[in-house]
Every structure is written in C-alpha cells, then in structure tokens.
Amino acid sequence: MNKKMGFILILFLIITLLCACSPNKTENNHKYTSQELQRLCLIKVYSAKDDTLINTIEDRDILSQFNELSNKNLNFTDNEERKNALKGSTPLYVIVAYKSSAAIYNDGDLEKLYTITIYKDINTIKMEISKNAIKSFSVPSEYLTCYQNMTDEKMKFLKSLTSFSADDKSKQ
C-alpha cells in the first residue's frame, strides 16, 4: 500500500509540474512578440549634420509605435513631386531601423532594414529601404527610395525619438 501511495504522489507531482509549465499557462512578460514587431528590434537616431548618434531605442512599446507608423501603405506614385518639394530643405535627423535575422543559425548580428531622413520645416520624409532587406533578387536603388508626406502627429512622434529614453517612459 505504501508503494502505491508513493507512486500516486509522484505521478500527481509530475502531472502538476507539466500542467504548470505548459505553453498556454506560462505568462509572456513582453507585450509585443518578435513576430508582432516583424523582427524590428533596434532604432538608432543620428544627427544628419554630423552623423553623431543621438539615441538608441530598444523599448518594445516604442518599437511597436514606430512599426505601426512605418508600415502604413507607402505611396510610390508621387515620388518625383515629393522629392522636388525637398529641394533646399535641410535634413535634421536620420533614423535607422534594424531587424533580427530570419536565419535559423543567427549569429546575433542585426540587419539594416531601412533609413528615414527627417527634414527641417517640412512634413515629408525620405525612406530608403536597404538593398540587403530584399534577399531574393537585386533591386535598383531608385526603386528602394520613397518620399512620404506625414501628419503633424506622426512627425512629432518621429522627432520625439531623438530624446526618448527609458526614464522618459514613466512621464508619458
């Protein structure tokens, strides 16, 4: 009888342990998964004037907001008109977005996804998609550049990336 009780107790503990560790029961402390962020994992903001690093952002909330902003439908149809509107404008900031590699055997290096240039006194940005972002075939650089008109709210968010830090999150 003693062996039977011991066996039942061990079996009960194993079942309890397996249930507690099942994937549906464990809590994910991250609000956004890598898939939700489309593997976007780092943003670096540089001064356009002297290419000085101003800020590095890894916060998943900010990355998610940035991803929503940059993944809206890009309009390549009025590129020349928007490009001409930028003539004489002064570039202020360059934002570079990096993603984790999709390779199974990833060495931890990040891949440059695209670069956004923000200009002074105009709500048009220049987005240049990295040649390395498209792996299946070669695409000429003129097809990897688009100019996008942004709302005041979106421009405010992009410019806020220059000063965001982990300490600022509690103030927002």
N, C-alpha and C. Protein backbone atom coordinates (compact mmCIF):
# COMPACT_ATOMS: atom_id res chain seq x y z
N MET A 1 0.82 -1.18 0.00
CA MET A 1 0.00 0.00 0.00
C MET A 1 0.87 1.26 0.00
N ASN A 2 1.99 1.20 0.69
CA ASN A 2 2.91 2.32 0.80
C ASN A 2 3.52 2.67 -0.56
N LYS A 3 3.86 1.63 -1.36
CA LYS A 3 4.42 1.86 -2.68
C LYS A 3 3.38 2.49 -3.60
N LYS A 4 2.15 2.06 -3.47
CA LYS A 4 1.08 2.57 -4.31
C LYS A 4 0.83 4.06 -4.01
N MET A 5 0.84 4.46 -2.76
CA MET A 5 0.66 5.86 -2.37
C MET A 5 1.83 6.70 -2.87
N GLY A 6 3.02 6.18 -2.76
CA GLY A 6 4.21 6.88 -3.24
C GLY A 6 4.15 7.10 -4.75
N PHE A 7 3.74 6.05 -5.48
CA PHE A 7 3.60 6.14 -6.93
C PHE A 7 2.56 7.17 -7.32
N ILE A 8 1.41 7.17 -6.63
CA ILE A 8 0.34 8.13 -6.92
C ILE A 8 0.80 9.56 -6.62
N LEU A 9 1.52 9.74 -5.52
CA LEU A 9 2.03 11.06 -5.16
C LEU A 9 3.03 11.57 -6.19
N ILE A 10 3.95 10.73 -6.64
CA ILE A 10 4.93 11.13 -7.65
C ILE A 10 4.23 11.44 -8.97
N LEU A 11 3.28 10.60 -9.35
CA LEU A 11 2.52 10.82 -10.58
C LEU A 11 1.76 12.15 -10.50
N PHE A 12 1.16 12.45 -9.37
CA PHE A 12 0.44 13.70 -9.17
C PHE A 12 1.39 14.90 -9.30
N LEU A 13 2.58 14.81 -8.72
CA LEU A 13 3.57 15.89 -8.80
C LEU A 13 4.04 16.11 -10.23
N ILE A 14 4.25 15.03 -10.97
CA ILE A 14 4.69 15.15 -12.36
C ILE A 14 3.60 15.81 -13.21
N ILE A 15 2.36 15.40 -13.03
CA ILE A 15 1.24 15.99 -13.79
C ILE A 15 1.10 17.47 -13.44
N THR A 16 1.20 17.80 -12.16
CA THR A 16 1.11 19.20 -11.73
C THR A 16 2.24 20.03 -12.34
N LEU A 17 3.44 19.50 -12.35
CA LEU A 17 4.59 20.20 -12.91
C LEU A 17 4.41 20.41 -14.42
N LEU A 18 3.95 19.40 -15.12
CA LEU A 18 3.73 19.52 -16.57
C LEU A 18 2.63 20.53 -16.89
N CYS A 19 1.57 20.54 -16.12
CA CYS A 19 0.49 21.50 -16.34
C CYS A 19 0.95 22.93 -16.07
N ALA A 20 1.75 23.10 -15.04
CA ALA A 20 2.23 24.44 -14.69
C ALA A 20 3.18 24.99 -15.74
N CYS A 21 3.89 24.12 -16.45
CA CYS A 21 4.87 24.56 -17.44
C CYS A 21 4.36 24.51 -18.87
N SER A 22 3.11 24.23 -19.07
CA SER A 22 2.59 24.16 -20.43
C SER A 22 2.62 25.54 -21.06
N PRO A 23 2.84 25.63 -22.38
CA PRO A 23 2.96 26.94 -23.05
C PRO A 23 1.72 27.81 -22.91
N ASN A 24 0.56 27.23 -22.78
CA ASN A 24 -0.66 28.04 -22.67
C ASN A 24 -0.81 28.66 -21.30
N LYS A 25 -0.08 28.18 -20.33
CA LYS A 25 -0.22 28.68 -18.97
C LYS A 25 0.89 29.63 -18.57
N THR A 26 2.02 29.60 -19.28
CA THR A 26 3.12 30.47 -18.89
C THR A 26 2.80 31.89 -19.32
N GLU A 27 3.28 32.83 -18.58
CA GLU A 27 3.00 34.24 -18.83
C GLU A 27 4.13 34.85 -19.64
N ASN A 28 3.79 35.56 -20.69
CA ASN A 28 4.77 36.26 -21.50
C ASN A 28 4.87 37.69 -20.97
N ASN A 29 6.04 38.03 -20.44
CA ASN A 29 6.22 39.35 -19.85
C ASN A 29 6.37 40.44 -20.91
N HIS A 30 6.60 40.05 -22.18
CA HIS A 30 6.74 41.03 -23.23
C HIS A 30 5.37 41.33 -23.83
N LYS A 31 5.10 42.59 -23.98
CA LYS A 31 3.81 42.99 -24.52
C LYS A 31 3.73 42.67 -26.02
N TYR A 32 4.87 42.75 -26.70
CA TYR A 32 4.89 42.51 -28.14
C TYR A 32 5.90 41.42 -28.44
N THR A 33 5.49 40.49 -29.29
CA THR A 33 6.40 39.42 -29.69
C THR A 33 7.24 39.90 -30.87
N SER A 34 8.28 39.14 -31.16
CA SER A 34 9.14 39.45 -32.30
C SER A 34 8.34 39.44 -33.60
N GLN A 35 7.38 38.52 -33.70
CA GLN A 35 6.56 38.45 -34.91
C GLN A 35 5.67 39.68 -35.04
N GLU A 36 5.12 40.16 -33.92
CA GLU A 36 4.28 41.35 -33.96
C GLU A 36 5.09 42.58 -34.37
N LEU A 37 6.34 42.60 -33.99
CA LEU A 37 7.22 43.71 -34.35
C LEU A 37 7.88 43.48 -35.70
N GLN A 38 7.57 42.37 -36.35
CA GLN A 38 8.17 42.00 -37.62
C GLN A 38 9.69 41.98 -37.52
N ARG A 39 10.17 41.46 -36.41
CA ARG A 39 11.59 41.30 -36.07
C ARG A 39 12.33 42.64 -35.93
N LEU A 40 11.61 43.76 -35.91
CA LEU A 40 12.22 45.06 -35.64
C LEU A 40 12.71 45.05 -34.20
N CYS A 41 13.98 45.30 -33.98
CA CYS A 41 14.48 45.20 -32.61
C CYS A 41 15.34 46.38 -32.18
N LEU A 42 15.65 47.30 -33.07
CA LEU A 42 16.51 48.41 -32.68
C LEU A 42 16.29 49.58 -33.64
N ILE A 43 16.28 50.78 -33.06
CA ILE A 43 16.24 52.01 -33.84
C ILE A 43 17.39 52.88 -33.36
N LYS A 44 18.15 53.41 -34.29
CA LYS A 44 19.21 54.36 -33.97
C LYS A 44 18.89 55.68 -34.65
N VAL A 45 19.04 56.77 -33.90
CA VAL A 45 18.77 58.10 -34.42
C VAL A 45 20.08 58.86 -34.47
N TYR A 46 20.38 59.41 -35.64
CA TYR A 46 21.63 60.15 -35.86
C TYR A 46 21.32 61.59 -36.25
N SER A 47 22.25 62.47 -35.97
CA SER A 47 22.16 63.83 -36.46
C SER A 47 22.54 63.80 -37.94
N ALA A 48 21.73 64.43 -38.78
CA ALA A 48 22.03 64.44 -40.21
C ALA A 48 23.21 65.35 -40.52
N LYS A 49 23.46 66.30 -39.63
CA LYS A 49 24.52 67.27 -39.87
C LYS A 49 25.91 66.64 -39.76
N ASP A 50 26.15 65.91 -38.66
CA ASP A 50 27.49 65.36 -38.45
C ASP A 50 27.50 63.86 -38.19
N ASP A 51 26.38 63.19 -38.43
CA ASP A 51 26.27 61.73 -38.30
C ASP A 51 26.59 61.23 -36.89
N THR A 52 26.29 62.06 -35.89
CA THR A 52 26.50 61.70 -34.49
C THR A 52 25.30 60.90 -33.99
N LEU A 53 25.58 59.81 -33.28
CA LEU A 53 24.50 59.02 -32.70
C LEU A 53 23.83 59.83 -31.59
N ILE A 54 22.52 60.03 -31.70
CA ILE A 54 21.77 60.80 -30.72
C ILE A 54 21.06 59.88 -29.74
N ASN A 55 20.47 58.80 -30.25
CA ASN A 55 19.68 57.94 -29.40
C ASN A 55 19.62 56.53 -29.97
N THR A 56 19.50 55.56 -29.07
CA THR A 56 19.30 54.16 -29.43
C THR A 56 18.06 53.69 -28.70
N ILE A 57 17.13 53.08 -29.42
CA ILE A 57 15.85 52.67 -28.83
C ILE A 57 15.66 51.18 -29.01
N GLU A 58 15.40 50.50 -27.89
CA GLU A 58 15.10 49.07 -27.91
C GLU A 58 13.78 48.76 -27.19
N ASP A 59 13.13 49.78 -26.66
CA ASP A 59 11.88 49.62 -25.92
C ASP A 59 10.80 49.09 -26.86
N ARG A 60 10.17 47.98 -26.49
CA ARG A 60 9.19 47.32 -27.37
C ARG A 60 7.94 48.17 -27.61
N ASP A 61 7.54 48.98 -26.65
CA ASP A 61 6.38 49.85 -26.85
C ASP A 61 6.68 50.89 -27.94
N ILE A 62 7.85 51.50 -27.86
CA ILE A 62 8.23 52.50 -28.85
C ILE A 62 8.45 51.83 -30.21
N LEU A 63 9.07 50.65 -30.22
CA LEU A 63 9.27 49.93 -31.48
C LEU A 63 7.94 49.59 -32.14
N SER A 64 6.96 49.23 -31.33
CA SER A 64 5.63 48.91 -31.87
C SER A 64 4.98 50.15 -32.48
N GLN A 65 5.06 51.28 -31.80
CA GLN A 65 4.50 52.53 -32.34
C GLN A 65 5.20 52.91 -33.64
N PHE A 66 6.52 52.76 -33.65
CA PHE A 66 7.30 53.08 -34.84
C PHE A 66 6.93 52.15 -35.99
N ASN A 67 6.77 50.88 -35.68
CA ASN A 67 6.41 49.88 -36.69
C ASN A 67 5.04 50.19 -37.30
N GLU A 68 4.09 50.57 -36.48
CA GLU A 68 2.76 50.93 -36.98
C GLU A 68 2.85 52.14 -37.91
N LEU A 69 3.69 53.08 -37.55
CA LEU A 69 3.84 54.30 -38.33
C LEU A 69 4.49 54.01 -39.67
N SER A 70 5.54 53.21 -39.67
CA SER A 70 6.30 52.99 -40.89
C SER A 70 5.73 51.90 -41.78
N ASN A 71 4.80 51.09 -41.27
CA ASN A 71 4.24 50.01 -42.08
C ASN A 71 2.92 50.36 -42.74
N LYS A 72 2.54 51.60 -42.67
CA LYS A 72 1.33 52.02 -43.38
C LYS A 72 1.63 51.98 -44.87
N ASN A 73 0.60 52.05 -45.65
CA ASN A 73 0.77 51.97 -47.11
C ASN A 73 1.69 53.08 -47.60
N LEU A 74 2.79 52.68 -48.20
CA LEU A 74 3.71 53.64 -48.77
C LEU A 74 3.25 53.97 -50.18
N ASN A 75 3.29 55.24 -50.52
CA ASN A 75 2.83 55.67 -51.82
C ASN A 75 4.04 56.04 -52.67
N PHE A 76 4.31 55.25 -53.68
CA PHE A 76 5.45 55.50 -54.55
C PHE A 76 5.05 56.30 -55.81
N THR A 77 3.81 56.69 -55.92
CA THR A 77 3.34 57.30 -57.16
C THR A 77 3.78 58.75 -57.34
N ASP A 78 3.82 59.53 -56.28
CA ASP A 78 4.19 60.94 -56.40
C ASP A 78 5.63 61.20 -55.96
N ASN A 79 6.51 60.24 -56.18
CA ASN A 79 7.88 60.35 -55.69
C ASN A 79 8.60 61.59 -56.22
N GLU A 80 8.51 61.86 -57.51
CA GLU A 80 9.23 63.00 -58.08
C GLU A 80 8.72 64.32 -57.52
N GLU A 81 7.41 64.44 -57.38
CA GLU A 81 6.82 65.66 -56.85
C GLU A 81 7.29 65.90 -55.41
N ARG A 82 7.26 64.85 -54.60
CA ARG A 82 7.69 64.97 -53.20
C ARG A 82 9.19 65.19 -53.10
N LYS A 83 9.94 64.54 -53.97
CA LYS A 83 11.40 64.73 -53.98
C LYS A 83 11.74 66.18 -54.31
N ASN A 84 11.04 66.76 -55.28
CA ASN A 84 11.27 68.16 -55.64
C ASN A 84 10.89 69.10 -54.51
N ALA A 85 9.89 68.74 -53.72
CA ALA A 85 9.48 69.58 -52.59
C ALA A 85 10.58 69.64 -51.52
N LEU A 86 11.46 68.64 -51.50
CA LEU A 86 12.53 68.61 -50.50
C LEU A 86 13.77 69.41 -50.93
N LYS A 87 13.81 69.85 -52.18
CA LYS A 87 14.97 70.62 -52.65
C LYS A 87 15.10 71.88 -51.81
N GLY A 88 16.27 72.10 -51.30
CA GLY A 88 16.53 73.26 -50.46
C GLY A 88 16.21 73.03 -48.99
N SER A 89 15.58 71.90 -48.66
CA SER A 89 15.28 71.59 -47.25
C SER A 89 16.53 71.02 -46.58
N THR A 90 16.65 71.31 -45.32
CA THR A 90 17.80 70.85 -44.55
C THR A 90 17.46 69.58 -43.79
N PRO A 91 18.23 68.50 -44.00
CA PRO A 91 17.99 67.27 -43.23
C PRO A 91 18.35 67.50 -41.75
N LEU A 92 17.48 67.04 -40.86
CA LEU A 92 17.74 67.18 -39.42
C LEU A 92 18.25 65.88 -38.81
N TYR A 93 17.49 64.80 -39.00
CA TYR A 93 17.79 63.53 -38.36
C TYR A 93 17.72 62.39 -39.36
N VAL A 94 18.49 61.36 -39.07
CA VAL A 94 18.44 60.13 -39.83
C VAL A 94 18.11 59.01 -38.84
N ILE A 95 17.03 58.31 -39.11
CA ILE A 95 16.60 57.20 -38.25
C ILE A 95 16.86 55.91 -39.00
N VAL A 96 17.61 55.00 -38.36
CA VAL A 96 17.94 53.72 -38.98
C VAL A 96 17.26 52.61 -38.18
N ALA A 97 16.47 51.78 -38.88
CA ALA A 97 15.76 50.67 -38.24
C ALA A 97 16.50 49.37 -38.54
N TYR A 98 16.66 48.55 -37.50
CA TYR A 98 17.34 47.27 -37.63
C TYR A 98 16.41 46.15 -37.21
N LYS A 99 16.55 45.01 -37.87
CA LYS A 99 15.76 43.83 -37.52
C LYS A 99 16.68 42.66 -37.23
N SER A 100 16.14 41.68 -36.52
CA SER A 100 16.91 40.46 -36.28
C SER A 100 16.85 39.61 -37.54
N SER A 101 17.84 38.79 -37.72
CA SER A 101 17.92 37.94 -38.90
C SER A 101 16.85 36.86 -38.86
N ALA A 102 16.38 36.47 -40.02
CA ALA A 102 15.39 35.39 -40.11
C ALA A 102 16.06 34.03 -40.20
N ALA A 103 17.37 34.02 -40.33
CA ALA A 103 18.10 32.76 -40.47
C ALA A 103 17.99 31.92 -39.20
N ILE A 104 17.93 30.63 -39.38
CA ILE A 104 17.85 29.72 -38.23
C ILE A 104 19.12 29.82 -37.39
N TYR A 105 20.26 29.84 -38.05
CA TYR A 105 21.53 29.94 -37.34
C TYR A 105 21.99 31.38 -37.38
N ASN A 106 21.37 32.17 -36.54
CA ASN A 106 21.60 33.59 -36.46
C ASN A 106 22.79 33.85 -35.53
N ASP A 107 23.75 34.64 -35.99
CA ASP A 107 24.91 34.94 -35.15
C ASP A 107 24.68 36.16 -34.26
N GLY A 108 23.47 36.67 -34.24
CA GLY A 108 23.14 37.80 -33.37
C GLY A 108 23.30 39.15 -34.04
N ASP A 109 23.88 39.18 -35.23
CA ASP A 109 24.04 40.45 -35.93
C ASP A 109 22.69 40.94 -36.41
N LEU A 110 22.52 42.25 -36.36
CA LEU A 110 21.28 42.85 -36.83
C LEU A 110 21.41 43.24 -38.29
N GLU A 111 20.29 43.25 -38.99
CA GLU A 111 20.27 43.63 -40.39
C GLU A 111 19.60 44.99 -40.52
N LYS A 112 20.23 45.87 -41.29
CA LYS A 112 19.65 47.18 -41.54
C LYS A 112 18.42 47.00 -42.41
N LEU A 113 17.30 47.54 -41.96
CA LEU A 113 16.04 47.39 -42.68
C LEU A 113 15.79 48.59 -43.60
N TYR A 114 15.80 49.78 -43.01
CA TYR A 114 15.62 51.00 -43.80
C TYR A 114 16.11 52.21 -43.04
N THR A 115 16.22 53.32 -43.77
CA THR A 115 16.67 54.59 -43.21
C THR A 115 15.61 55.64 -43.52
N ILE A 116 15.27 56.43 -42.53
CA ILE A 116 14.32 57.53 -42.71
C ILE A 116 15.06 58.83 -42.44
N THR A 117 14.92 59.79 -43.36
CA THR A 117 15.51 61.11 -43.17
C THR A 117 14.39 62.10 -42.91
N ILE A 118 14.55 62.84 -41.80
CA ILE A 118 13.58 63.87 -41.41
C ILE A 118 14.17 65.24 -41.76
N TYR A 119 13.35 66.08 -42.37
CA TYR A 119 13.82 67.39 -42.81
C TYR A 119 13.23 68.51 -41.96
N LYS A 120 13.94 69.62 -41.93
CA LYS A 120 13.52 70.79 -41.16
C LYS A 120 12.37 71.51 -41.89
N ASP A 121 11.36 71.90 -41.13
CA ASP A 121 10.25 72.74 -41.61
C ASP A 121 9.43 72.13 -42.74
N ILE A 122 9.39 70.81 -42.86
CA ILE A 122 8.56 70.17 -43.88
C ILE A 122 8.14 68.80 -43.36
N ASN A 123 6.91 68.41 -43.64
CA ASN A 123 6.39 67.13 -43.15
C ASN A 123 6.53 66.00 -44.17
N THR A 124 7.59 66.04 -44.92
CA THR A 124 7.88 64.97 -45.88
C THR A 124 9.16 64.28 -45.42
N ILE A 125 9.13 62.96 -45.44
CA ILE A 125 10.31 62.19 -45.07
C ILE A 125 10.80 61.42 -46.29
N LYS A 126 12.05 61.05 -46.23
CA LYS A 126 12.65 60.20 -47.27
C LYS A 126 12.92 58.84 -46.63
N MET A 127 12.39 57.79 -47.23
CA MET A 127 12.61 56.44 -46.72
C MET A 127 13.40 55.65 -47.76
N GLU A 128 14.55 55.13 -47.32
CA GLU A 128 15.39 54.31 -48.20
C GLU A 128 15.45 52.90 -47.62
N ILE A 129 14.91 51.97 -48.36
CA ILE A 129 14.93 50.57 -47.94
C ILE A 129 16.31 50.01 -48.26
N SER A 130 16.88 49.28 -47.33
CA SER A 130 18.22 48.71 -47.52
C SER A 130 18.21 47.67 -48.63
N LYS A 131 19.26 47.68 -49.45
CA LYS A 131 19.38 46.68 -50.53
C LYS A 131 19.42 45.27 -49.95
N ASN A 132 19.96 45.13 -48.76
CA ASN A 132 20.07 43.81 -48.13
C ASN A 132 18.74 43.31 -47.57
N ALA A 133 17.74 44.17 -47.50
CA ALA A 133 16.43 43.77 -46.97
C ALA A 133 15.68 42.87 -47.94
N ILE A 134 16.03 42.98 -49.21
CA ILE A 134 15.40 42.13 -50.24
C ILE A 134 16.46 41.14 -50.70
N LYS A 135 16.30 39.90 -50.27
CA LYS A 135 17.35 38.91 -50.48
C LYS A 135 17.15 38.07 -51.75
N SER A 136 15.95 38.02 -52.28
CA SER A 136 15.69 37.10 -53.38
C SER A 136 16.22 37.59 -54.73
N PHE A 137 16.31 38.91 -54.92
CA PHE A 137 16.84 39.43 -56.18
C PHE A 137 17.32 40.86 -55.98
N SER A 138 18.10 41.35 -56.92
CA SER A 138 18.66 42.69 -56.83
C SER A 138 17.64 43.72 -57.33
N VAL A 139 17.51 44.81 -56.57
CA VAL A 139 16.58 45.88 -56.93
C VAL A 139 17.37 47.17 -57.03
N PRO A 140 17.23 47.92 -58.12
CA PRO A 140 17.94 49.20 -58.25
C PRO A 140 17.53 50.17 -57.13
N SER A 141 18.47 50.99 -56.71
CA SER A 141 18.24 51.87 -55.56
C SER A 141 17.11 52.87 -55.78
N GLU A 142 16.85 53.29 -57.01
CA GLU A 142 15.77 54.26 -57.24
C GLU A 142 14.40 53.66 -56.92
N TYR A 143 14.31 52.32 -56.93
CA TYR A 143 13.05 51.67 -56.57
C TYR A 143 12.96 51.38 -55.07
N LEU A 144 14.02 51.66 -54.35
CA LEU A 144 14.05 51.42 -52.92
C LEU A 144 13.90 52.71 -52.12
N THR A 145 13.67 53.81 -52.79
CA THR A 145 13.54 55.11 -52.12
C THR A 145 12.15 55.66 -52.37
N CYS A 146 11.51 56.11 -51.30
CA CYS A 146 10.22 56.77 -51.47
C CYS A 146 10.17 58.00 -50.57
N TYR A 147 9.31 58.91 -50.91
CA TYR A 147 9.12 60.15 -50.16
C TYR A 147 7.68 60.14 -49.69
N GLN A 148 7.49 60.38 -48.40
CA GLN A 148 6.17 60.24 -47.81
C GLN A 148 5.78 61.51 -47.05
N ASN A 149 4.58 62.01 -47.31
CA ASN A 149 4.04 63.12 -46.53
C ASN A 149 3.52 62.56 -45.22
N MET A 150 3.82 63.23 -44.13
CA MET A 150 3.42 62.78 -42.80
C MET A 150 2.53 63.84 -42.14
N THR A 151 1.66 63.38 -41.26
CA THR A 151 0.83 64.31 -40.49
C THR A 151 1.70 64.95 -39.42
N ASP A 152 1.21 66.04 -38.83
CA ASP A 152 1.95 66.71 -37.75
C ASP A 152 2.17 65.75 -36.58
N GLU A 153 1.16 64.94 -36.29
CA GLU A 153 1.24 63.99 -35.17
C GLU A 153 2.35 62.96 -35.41
N LYS A 154 2.42 62.44 -36.62
CA LYS A 154 3.45 61.45 -36.95
C LYS A 154 4.84 62.07 -36.94
N MET A 155 4.95 63.29 -37.42
CA MET A 155 6.26 63.98 -37.40
C MET A 155 6.68 64.26 -35.96
N LYS A 156 5.74 64.61 -35.13
CA LYS A 156 6.05 64.86 -33.72
C LYS A 156 6.59 63.58 -33.07
N PHE A 157 5.95 62.44 -33.39
CA PHE A 157 6.43 61.17 -32.85
C PHE A 157 7.84 60.86 -33.35
N LEU A 158 8.09 61.01 -34.65
CA LEU A 158 9.41 60.74 -35.20
C LEU A 158 10.48 61.63 -34.55
N LYS A 159 10.15 62.89 -34.38
CA LYS A 159 11.11 63.81 -33.74
C LYS A 159 11.29 63.50 -32.26
N SER A 160 10.27 62.93 -31.63
CA SER A 160 10.39 62.57 -30.21
C SER A 160 11.39 61.43 -30.01
N LEU A 161 11.66 60.66 -31.05
CA LEU A 161 12.63 59.57 -30.94
C LEU A 161 14.04 60.09 -30.65
N THR A 162 14.28 61.35 -30.95
CA THR A 162 15.61 61.92 -30.71
C THR A 162 15.89 62.10 -29.23
N SER A 163 14.85 62.18 -28.42
CA SER A 163 15.06 62.46 -27.00
C SER A 163 14.49 61.41 -26.08
N PHE A 164 13.87 60.37 -26.62
CA PHE A 164 13.25 59.34 -25.77
C PHE A 164 14.34 58.53 -25.06
N SER A 165 14.10 58.26 -23.79
CA SER A 165 14.96 57.33 -23.04
C SER A 165 14.06 56.50 -22.15
N ALA A 166 14.61 55.49 -21.52
CA ALA A 166 13.82 54.61 -20.65
C ALA A 166 13.22 55.39 -19.49
N ASP A 167 13.92 56.43 -19.03
CA ASP A 167 13.41 57.24 -17.93
C ASP A 167 12.20 58.06 -18.35
N ASP A 168 12.14 58.45 -19.64
CA ASP A 168 11.03 59.26 -20.14
C ASP A 168 9.74 58.47 -20.23
N LYS A 169 9.82 57.15 -20.26
CA LYS A 169 8.62 56.32 -20.44
C LYS A 169 7.63 56.56 -19.31
N SER A 170 8.13 56.77 -18.09
CA SER A 170 7.24 56.96 -16.96
C SER A 170 6.52 58.32 -17.03
N LYS A 171 7.08 59.28 -17.79
CA LYS A 171 6.48 60.60 -17.90
C LYS A 171 5.38 60.65 -18.94
N GLN A 172 5.36 59.67 -19.87
CA GLN A 172 4.38 59.70 -20.95
C GLN A 172 3.03 59.23 -20.53
